[in-house]
Amino acid sequence: MAEKKHGRGIKGSILIAPRKLPKFSKVPSIKSTIQRGSAIVRGFKTRIIAELEAATTKSDPGLTDIKVPPFQQLGVKLLMDGYPKAFIEFFELTHQPQPPPASPDYVDPKAASDAKQLVDASTLIPLKSHMENAEIGAREDDYDKMFAANIGIADLFELVKDYKQALFYFSRALQAGEKTATPTHIAKARFALGRVYWKLNDSALAIQNYEHFIKLAQMADDVASTSEAAQHLLQIHTACAEKFKEDGEYKACRDCYDSALETAVLAENWEMAGEMRYQLGLLYIDARDTDTALGYLTEFHQYCVATNNKIGQGKANEAMSEIFEMLDRASDAVAHMEKYLEVVGSVGLLTKAKAACKIGMLYYRVGDLEAAERSFQSYYAMARQAKDVRTLASARVNLGVVRAALNRPPAVLMDEDQPTYSRPVLVDEGPDNDSDSDDFFK
């Protein structure tokens, strides 16, 4: 019996018309899935925070209004944007405990005005941006980016006068710069380190970094940068020399002035170079090295003559007079003191009086009593005009001593209670007289 056909199939047959299966897209990669998931999570967190802030704003008046500080907002954003290392460092920097004041009863107004913490948008937003770039640079081994980021962070800390943190990030920048082997990066970091070390009163490391910078600048024939760094270095050497002088460490002081002189020449600061020669001349006078002292002072005098510096010429002549006096060359000593009086017309009256006194003593020492008398008369006249009690007492003594040596009556009357002197005296050696009355000047 033939089987009946029903439609397209056969009754009782397992062969039926095939169904069309749905088409599936290509399985996504793991990386794209993670990125998509991260985006969803970030969007969810952003929406939650927005809803929380909206709810807080609309909260009942009796509830405390919650405000998230800017540094916390920025820290959360770093974390949500996928910079965990930057977030940790940002958190540590912005949550540092502040040191207590020296005294709870007193705050130095200057210190308070200078102090500026990383609490406002002008510093926090750039700090966050530099932190992000630093982490990106670390991920990509991009040392140029790491250098720029660390320099930016260090600049912020130097701006707010947190020099220890600035030093840390400038050191990091130097390490990154050395990885790039870019001389300009290394030089920039060295200059900044020298500046910050000096602000931290570490003169040795400040000098070391400035000297490194100067070598790099000279290799690049960068005259302007060399001069700028040399000026900073000159300031440090001079400050160190003055400190050693105060402490009585004269050899160390001379070494610092020697370095300062070399640096001043490098910076083409001829005025400071002249001053360093003068200071070295005085130090070698104290060391009784008259030849070296005379050499420095002669160079200083020549510079002052070339620049028409009258005060400088006077200082040089006075110091050279002291040298010739030490060498028992009284006539040369007198000649320099007379030149001193010629060029220092603008100095004070008492300074001129002291110079006249010294000239008179030099003449007395070589036996030229007539010249000594003339100098002491000038000394006496200037002392009367200045109305300085101690100077006038010294002038009376000196004029009396030289007139006695000439077998002449004294030009002025001495007080009965004043001691008798057998030689002229300087102002500081003169008799004390506390009388402030006008009778003393008659």
Protein backbone atom coordinates (compact mmCIF):
# COMPACT_ATOMS: atom_id res chain seq x y z
CA MET A 1 0.00 0.00 0.00
CA ALA A 2 1.37 3.31 -0.88
CA GLU A 3 2.02 5.76 1.92
CA LYS A 4 0.18 9.05 1.94
CA LYS A 5 2.12 12.20 1.56
CA HIS A 6 1.27 15.07 3.82
CA GLY A 7 2.68 18.38 2.70
CA ARG A 8 6.45 18.50 2.29
CA GLY A 9 7.16 15.66 4.68
CA ILE A 10 6.31 11.99 4.75
CA LYS A 11 4.06 10.64 7.49
CA GLY A 12 5.98 8.60 10.00
CA SER A 13 9.38 9.78 8.67
CA ILE A 14 12.01 11.43 10.87
CA LEU A 15 13.09 13.53 7.98
CA ILE A 16 11.52 16.93 8.56
CA ALA A 17 12.23 20.32 7.16
CA PRO A 18 15.44 21.86 8.82
CA ARG A 19 15.01 24.91 11.05
CA LYS A 20 17.21 27.98 10.63
CA LEU A 21 19.61 28.38 13.59
CA PRO A 22 20.23 31.92 14.99
CA LYS A 23 23.52 33.56 13.98
CA PHE A 24 25.95 34.37 16.79
CA SER A 25 28.55 37.17 16.66
CA LYS A 26 32.27 36.58 17.14
CA VAL A 27 33.36 35.95 20.72
CA PRO A 28 34.93 39.20 22.06
CA SER A 29 38.53 39.26 23.24
CA ILE A 30 39.44 39.20 26.93
CA LYS A 31 41.06 42.67 26.74
CA SER A 32 37.97 44.31 25.29
CA THR A 33 35.80 42.60 27.87
CA ILE A 34 37.94 43.90 30.74
CA GLN A 35 37.97 47.40 29.30
CA ARG A 36 34.20 47.34 28.89
CA GLY A 37 33.76 46.03 32.43
CA SER A 38 36.05 48.71 33.83
CA ALA A 39 34.07 51.37 31.99
CA ILE A 40 30.83 50.00 33.41
CA VAL A 41 32.29 49.97 36.93
CA ARG A 42 33.60 53.51 36.58
CA GLY A 43 30.23 54.67 35.29
CA PHE A 44 28.46 52.95 38.15
CA LYS A 45 30.76 54.53 40.74
CA THR A 46 30.36 57.95 39.18
CA ARG A 47 26.57 57.57 39.21
CA ILE A 48 26.57 56.41 42.85
CA ILE A 49 28.75 59.37 43.96
CA ALA A 50 26.55 61.78 42.01
CA GLU A 51 23.41 60.35 43.63
CA LEU A 52 25.05 60.55 47.08
CA GLU A 53 26.00 64.18 46.60
CA ALA A 54 22.50 64.98 45.31
CA ALA A 55 20.94 63.25 48.29
CA THR A 56 23.23 65.10 50.67
CA THR A 57 22.32 68.44 49.10
CA LYS A 58 18.61 67.69 49.47
CA SER A 59 18.96 66.37 53.03
CA ASP A 60 16.92 67.77 55.88
CA PRO A 61 18.12 71.05 57.38
CA GLY A 62 18.76 69.34 60.69
CA LEU A 63 21.38 67.00 59.20
CA THR A 64 25.04 67.89 58.73
CA ASP A 65 25.91 68.80 55.15
CA ILE A 66 28.68 66.42 54.05
CA LYS A 67 31.37 68.05 51.93
CA VAL A 68 34.16 66.02 50.42
CA PRO A 69 37.48 67.97 50.51
CA PRO A 70 39.10 68.65 47.12
CA PHE A 71 42.10 66.41 47.78
CA GLN A 72 39.81 63.46 48.58
CA GLN A 73 37.74 64.05 45.45
CA LEU A 74 40.89 64.11 43.33
CA GLY A 75 42.28 61.03 45.05
CA VAL A 76 39.07 59.06 44.36
CA LYS A 77 39.20 60.20 40.74
CA LEU A 78 42.77 58.91 40.41
CA LEU A 79 41.63 55.53 41.67
CA MET A 80 38.55 55.42 39.42
CA ASP A 81 40.61 56.42 36.39
CA GLY A 82 42.87 53.44 36.92
CA TYR A 83 46.01 54.93 38.52
CA PRO A 84 46.43 52.98 41.79
CA LYS A 85 50.11 53.83 42.35
CA ALA A 86 49.44 57.51 41.74
CA PHE A 87 46.48 57.33 44.13
CA ILE A 88 48.58 55.82 46.94
CA GLU A 89 51.31 58.46 46.58
CA PHE A 90 48.77 61.27 46.22
CA PHE A 91 47.00 60.06 49.37
CA GLU A 92 50.23 59.92 51.37
CA LEU A 93 51.29 63.39 50.26
CA THR A 94 47.94 65.05 50.97
CA HIS A 95 47.41 63.32 54.33
CA GLN A 96 50.75 64.12 55.92
CA PRO A 97 50.39 65.27 59.55
CA GLN A 98 51.51 68.85 59.98
CA PRO A 99 54.22 69.47 62.62
CA PRO A 100 53.01 71.30 65.73
CA PRO A 101 54.04 74.95 66.15
CA ALA A 102 57.10 75.71 68.25
CA SER A 103 54.94 77.33 70.90
CA PRO A 104 51.15 77.22 71.26
CA ASP A 105 51.20 80.81 72.51
CA TYR A 106 53.19 82.31 69.66
CA VAL A 107 53.17 81.90 65.89
CA ASP A 108 55.72 83.79 63.85
CA PRO A 109 53.67 85.97 61.45
CA LYS A 110 56.33 85.68 58.74
CA ALA A 111 56.41 81.89 59.00
CA ALA A 112 52.62 81.76 58.91
CA SER A 113 52.44 83.96 55.84
CA ASP A 114 55.13 81.97 54.02
CA ALA A 115 53.57 78.58 54.75
CA LYS A 116 51.21 77.32 52.05
CA GLN A 117 49.90 73.78 52.07
CA LEU A 118 48.69 71.62 49.18
CA VAL A 119 45.01 72.27 49.92
CA ASP A 120 43.66 74.34 47.05
CA ALA A 121 42.93 73.70 43.41
CA SER A 122 45.92 75.73 42.19
CA THR A 123 48.28 73.08 43.59
CA LEU A 124 46.17 69.92 43.94
CA ILE A 125 44.96 69.73 40.35
CA PRO A 126 48.48 70.05 38.85
CA LEU A 127 49.75 67.56 41.44
CA LYS A 128 47.11 65.00 40.36
CA SER A 129 47.95 65.54 36.70
CA HIS A 130 51.70 65.08 37.30
CA MET A 131 51.02 61.93 39.33
CA GLU A 132 49.02 60.45 36.45
CA ASN A 133 51.77 61.25 33.95
CA ALA A 134 54.41 59.74 36.25
CA GLU A 135 52.49 56.44 36.41
CA ILE A 136 51.88 56.43 32.67
CA GLY A 137 55.58 57.04 32.09
CA ALA A 138 56.48 54.18 34.45
CA ARG A 139 54.12 51.80 32.63
CA GLU A 140 55.48 52.73 29.21
CA ASP A 141 59.15 53.10 30.27
CA ASP A 142 58.90 56.67 29.00
CA TYR A 143 61.62 58.38 31.04
CA ASP A 144 61.05 61.75 29.37
CA LYS A 145 57.49 61.74 30.66
CA MET A 146 58.67 60.60 34.09
CA PHE A 147 61.26 63.38 34.17
CA ALA A 148 58.72 66.08 33.30
CA ALA A 149 56.21 64.74 35.84
CA ASN A 150 58.71 64.64 38.71
CA ILE A 151 60.05 68.10 37.89
CA GLY A 152 56.47 69.41 37.95
CA ILE A 153 55.74 67.78 41.33
CA ALA A 154 59.01 69.11 42.80
CA ASP A 155 58.25 72.62 41.55
CA LEU A 156 54.91 72.53 43.38
CA PHE A 157 56.54 71.54 46.66
CA GLU A 158 59.21 74.19 46.26
CA LEU A 159 56.44 76.72 45.63
CA VAL A 160 54.79 75.88 48.96
CA LYS A 161 58.21 75.84 50.70
CA ASP A 162 58.23 72.12 51.45
CA TYR A 163 61.88 71.81 50.44
CA LYS A 164 62.43 68.24 51.66
CA GLN A 165 59.66 66.90 49.43
CA ALA A 166 60.92 69.09 46.58
CA LEU A 167 64.38 67.58 47.06
CA PHE A 168 62.94 64.05 46.86
CA TYR A 169 61.17 64.66 43.54
CA PHE A 170 64.05 66.64 42.01
CA SER A 171 66.27 63.64 42.84
CA ARG A 172 63.76 61.37 41.09
CA ALA A 173 63.78 63.70 38.11
CA LEU A 174 67.59 63.50 37.99
CA GLN A 175 67.41 59.69 37.92
CA ALA A 176 64.89 59.79 35.06
CA GLY A 177 66.99 62.39 33.24
CA GLU A 178 70.09 60.21 33.52
CA LYS A 179 68.09 57.31 32.01
CA THR A 180 67.28 59.48 29.00
CA ALA A 181 70.93 60.59 28.73
CA THR A 182 69.61 64.03 27.75
CA PRO A 183 72.08 66.73 28.93
CA THR A 184 69.38 69.41 29.23
CA HIS A 185 67.31 67.17 31.54
CA ILE A 186 70.30 66.40 33.74
CA ALA A 187 71.37 70.04 33.83
CA LYS A 188 67.88 71.23 34.80
CA ALA A 189 67.69 68.72 37.65
CA ARG A 190 71.20 69.60 38.88
CA PHE A 191 70.42 73.31 38.93
CA ALA A 192 67.19 72.70 40.88
CA LEU A 193 68.96 70.43 43.36
CA GLY A 194 71.63 73.06 43.97
CA ARG A 195 68.96 75.66 44.62
CA VAL A 196 66.98 73.46 47.04
CA TYR A 197 70.03 72.14 48.90
CA TRP A 198 71.07 75.74 49.56
CA LYS A 199 67.58 76.53 50.88
CA LEU A 200 68.06 73.58 53.24
CA ASN A 201 71.42 75.07 54.33
CA ASP A 202 73.44 72.18 52.89
CA SER A 203 76.18 74.23 51.25
CA ALA A 204 78.40 71.27 50.30
CA LEU A 205 75.75 69.48 48.21
CA ALA A 206 74.49 72.79 46.82
CA ILE A 207 78.00 73.60 45.57
CA GLN A 208 78.41 70.08 44.16
CA ASN A 209 75.22 70.27 42.10
CA TYR A 210 75.88 73.79 40.83
CA GLU A 211 79.37 72.74 39.75
CA HIS A 212 77.90 69.77 37.85
CA PHE A 213 75.47 72.15 36.16
CA ILE A 214 78.26 74.57 35.19
CA LYS A 215 80.26 71.75 33.56
CA LEU A 216 77.24 70.73 31.48
CA ALA A 217 76.52 74.35 30.53
CA GLN A 218 80.14 74.89 29.46
CA MET A 219 80.06 71.73 27.35
CA ALA A 220 77.00 73.17 25.59
CA ASP A 221 78.66 76.62 25.24
CA ASP A 222 75.72 78.09 27.16
CA VAL A 223 77.31 81.29 28.48
CA ALA A 224 74.12 82.71 29.99
CA SER A 225 73.36 79.58 32.02
CA THR A 226 76.98 79.32 33.15
CA SER A 227 76.91 82.90 34.38
CA GLU A 228 73.59 82.41 36.18
CA ALA A 229 74.78 79.30 38.04
CA ALA A 230 78.09 80.99 38.87
CA GLN A 231 76.20 83.86 40.50
CA HIS A 232 74.38 81.39 42.75
CA LEU A 233 77.64 79.62 43.52
CA LEU A 234 79.31 82.94 44.32
CA GLN A 235 76.60 83.73 46.85
CA ILE A 236 77.16 80.38 48.60
CA HIS A 237 80.97 80.71 48.70
CA THR A 238 80.72 84.25 50.08
CA ALA A 239 78.21 83.28 52.77
CA CYS A 240 80.38 80.33 53.83
CA ALA A 241 83.48 82.55 53.98
CA GLU A 242 81.73 85.07 56.22
CA LYS A 243 80.54 82.28 58.51
CA PHE A 244 84.05 80.85 58.80
CA LYS A 245 85.38 84.34 59.55
CA GLU A 246 82.88 84.76 62.38
CA ASP A 247 83.96 81.40 63.81
CA GLY A 248 87.65 82.32 63.59
CA GLU A 249 88.45 79.60 61.03
CA TYR A 250 90.61 81.80 58.84
CA LYS A 251 92.16 79.13 56.62
CA ALA A 252 88.72 77.81 55.66
CA CYS A 253 87.62 81.41 55.17
CA ARG A 254 90.51 82.06 52.75
CA ASP A 255 89.68 78.87 50.83
CA CYS A 256 86.07 80.00 50.42
CA TYR A 257 87.12 83.46 49.25
CA ASP A 258 89.53 81.85 46.76
CA SER A 259 86.65 79.78 45.37
CA ALA A 260 84.43 82.87 45.36
CA LEU A 261 87.05 84.79 43.37
CA GLU A 262 87.24 82.04 40.73
CA THR A 263 83.45 81.91 40.54
CA ALA A 264 83.15 85.71 40.24
CA VAL A 265 85.56 85.68 37.30
CA LEU A 266 83.54 82.84 35.73
CA ALA A 267 80.35 84.87 36.16
CA GLU A 268 82.15 87.97 34.80
CA ASN A 269 81.10 89.80 37.96
CA TRP A 270 84.14 92.07 38.15
CA GLU A 271 82.84 94.10 41.08
CA MET A 272 82.58 90.99 43.26
CA ALA A 273 85.92 89.74 41.96
CA GLY A 274 87.48 92.99 43.18
CA GLU A 275 85.80 92.68 46.57
CA MET A 276 87.05 89.10 46.94
CA ARG A 277 90.61 90.29 46.25
CA TYR A 278 90.22 92.95 48.93
CA GLN A 279 88.94 90.42 51.48
CA LEU A 280 91.76 88.03 50.65
CA GLY A 281 94.26 90.86 51.05
CA LEU A 282 92.97 91.61 54.56
CA LEU A 283 93.09 87.94 55.54
CA TYR A 284 96.68 87.59 54.35
CA ILE A 285 97.59 90.73 56.34
CA ASP A 286 96.25 89.00 59.45
CA ALA A 287 98.33 85.95 58.51
CA ARG A 288 101.34 88.30 58.13
CA ASP A 289 101.86 87.11 54.54
CA THR A 290 102.60 90.61 53.30
CA ASP A 291 103.66 89.68 49.75
CA THR A 292 100.44 87.80 48.97
CA ALA A 293 98.36 90.47 50.67
CA LEU A 294 100.04 93.25 48.69
CA GLY A 295 99.45 91.37 45.44
CA TYR A 296 95.69 91.02 46.04
CA LEU A 297 95.33 94.62 47.25
CA THR A 298 97.28 96.02 44.28
CA GLU A 299 94.91 94.19 41.88
CA PHE A 300 91.93 95.52 43.82
CA HIS A 301 93.32 99.08 43.71
CA GLN A 302 93.89 98.85 39.95
CA TYR A 303 90.30 97.74 39.39
CA CYS A 304 89.01 100.62 41.55
CA VAL A 305 91.10 103.16 39.62
CA ALA A 306 89.79 101.76 36.30
CA THR A 307 86.19 102.05 37.49
CA ASN A 308 86.70 105.38 39.31
CA ASN A 309 85.65 103.78 42.60
CA LYS A 310 86.93 106.34 45.13
CA ILE A 311 85.78 104.44 48.20
CA GLY A 312 87.48 101.29 46.95
CA GLN A 313 90.71 103.19 46.27
CA GLY A 314 90.63 104.51 49.81
CA LYS A 315 90.11 101.03 51.27
CA ALA A 316 93.03 99.69 49.25
CA ASN A 317 95.34 102.55 50.24
CA GLU A 318 94.50 102.15 53.92
CA ALA A 319 95.18 98.41 53.84
CA MET A 320 98.43 98.84 51.89
CA SER A 321 99.54 101.47 54.40
CA GLU A 322 99.13 98.86 57.12
CA ILE A 323 101.30 96.44 55.15
CA PHE A 324 104.11 98.97 54.69
CA GLU A 325 103.91 99.81 58.38
CA MET A 326 104.40 96.11 59.17
CA LEU A 327 107.45 96.15 56.86
CA ASP A 328 108.88 99.22 58.67
CA ARG A 329 108.50 101.30 55.52
CA ALA A 330 106.93 104.25 57.25
CA SER A 331 107.36 106.68 54.35
CA ASP A 332 105.41 104.36 52.03
CA ALA A 333 102.80 103.85 54.72
CA VAL A 334 102.39 107.62 55.07
CA ALA A 335 102.13 108.07 51.30
CA HIS A 336 99.25 105.57 51.09
CA MET A 337 97.42 107.13 54.03
CA GLU A 338 97.70 110.57 52.41
CA LYS A 339 96.26 109.12 49.20
CA TYR A 340 93.53 107.63 51.33
CA LEU A 341 92.61 111.09 52.61
CA GLU A 342 92.63 112.49 49.07
CA VAL A 343 90.11 110.02 47.64
CA VAL A 344 87.69 109.57 50.54
CA GLY A 345 86.19 113.01 50.62
CA SER A 346 82.67 111.64 51.07
CA VAL A 347 83.43 109.56 54.17
CA GLY A 348 82.44 110.63 57.67
CA LEU A 349 84.36 113.19 59.66
CA LEU A 350 85.45 110.71 62.33
CA THR A 351 86.86 108.38 59.65
CA LYS A 352 88.96 111.24 58.31
CA ALA A 353 90.04 112.12 61.84
CA LYS A 354 91.22 108.56 62.45
CA ALA A 355 93.24 108.66 59.22
CA ALA A 356 94.87 111.95 60.24
CA CYS A 357 95.71 110.41 63.61
CA LYS A 358 97.35 107.42 61.94
CA ILE A 359 99.41 109.65 59.63
CA GLY A 360 100.58 111.68 62.62
CA MET A 361 101.64 108.51 64.45
CA LEU A 362 103.58 107.31 61.42
CA TYR A 363 105.42 110.64 61.15
CA TYR A 364 106.16 110.53 64.88
CA ARG A 365 107.52 107.02 64.51
CA VAL A 366 110.06 108.04 61.82
CA GLY A 367 111.04 111.16 63.79
CA ASP A 368 109.40 113.80 61.57
CA LEU A 369 107.92 115.71 64.49
CA GLU A 370 106.95 118.79 62.47
CA ALA A 371 104.82 116.70 60.10
CA ALA A 372 103.42 114.77 63.05
CA GLU A 373 102.36 118.02 64.70
CA ARG A 374 100.56 119.17 61.54
CA SER A 375 98.69 115.87 61.28
CA PHE A 376 97.70 115.92 64.95
CA GLN A 377 96.50 119.50 64.63
CA SER A 378 94.21 118.38 61.80
CA TYR A 379 93.15 115.47 63.96
CA TYR A 380 92.33 117.81 66.84
CA ALA A 381 90.36 120.22 64.63
CA MET A 382 88.24 117.41 63.15
CA ALA A 383 87.63 115.95 66.62
CA ARG A 384 86.35 119.32 67.86
CA GLN A 385 84.12 119.66 64.81
CA ALA A 386 82.72 116.15 65.28
CA LYS A 387 82.18 116.76 69.03
CA ASP A 388 83.18 113.20 69.88
CA VAL A 389 84.45 113.11 73.47
CA ARG A 390 86.73 110.09 73.15
CA THR A 391 88.29 111.25 69.86
CA LEU A 392 88.91 114.72 71.23
CA ALA A 393 90.60 113.30 74.34
CA SER A 394 92.92 111.25 72.13
CA ALA A 395 93.69 114.30 69.95
CA ARG A 396 94.63 116.37 73.00
CA VAL A 397 97.01 113.67 74.21
CA ASN A 398 98.67 113.25 70.83
CA LEU A 399 99.14 116.95 70.23
CA GLY A 400 100.51 117.39 73.75
CA VAL A 401 103.02 114.54 73.31
CA VAL A 402 104.42 115.79 70.01
CA ARG A 403 104.66 119.42 71.22
CA ALA A 404 106.47 118.23 74.32
CA ALA A 405 108.93 116.39 72.09
CA LEU A 406 109.45 119.67 70.21
CA ASN A 407 109.97 121.52 73.53
CA ARG A 408 106.92 123.64 72.87
CA PRO A 409 104.11 124.50 75.25
CA PRO A 410 101.00 122.39 74.79
CA ALA A 411 98.49 123.78 72.34
CA VAL A 412 95.58 122.79 74.60
CA LEU A 413 95.18 122.45 78.34
CA MET A 414 94.91 118.94 79.74
CA ASP A 415 92.68 117.99 82.65
CA GLU A 416 94.60 117.54 85.89
CA ASP A 417 93.27 114.03 86.49
CA GLN A 418 94.33 112.73 83.06
CA PRO A 419 97.45 110.51 82.95
CA THR A 420 100.62 111.59 81.21
CA TYR A 421 101.43 109.85 77.92
CA SER A 422 104.90 109.50 76.45
CA ARG A 423 103.69 108.56 72.96
CA PRO A 424 100.70 109.30 70.70
CA VAL A 425 97.66 107.06 71.14
CA LEU A 426 94.92 105.86 68.83
CA VAL A 427 91.30 106.69 69.51
CA ASP A 428 90.61 103.32 71.15
CA GLU A 429 93.68 103.73 73.37
CA GLY A 430 92.87 107.27 74.39
CA PRO A 431 91.71 108.41 77.83
CA ASP A 432 88.09 107.96 78.79
CA ASN A 433 86.13 111.11 79.45
CA ASP A 434 82.44 110.78 80.10
CA SER A 435 81.80 114.51 80.19
CA ASP A 436 79.12 115.52 77.71
CA SER A 437 79.24 119.20 78.56
CA ASP A 438 80.06 121.81 75.97
CA ASP A 439 82.99 122.94 78.17
CA PHE A 440 85.00 119.95 77.05
CA PHE A 441 85.03 121.24 73.47
CA LYS A 442 86.24 124.73 74.33
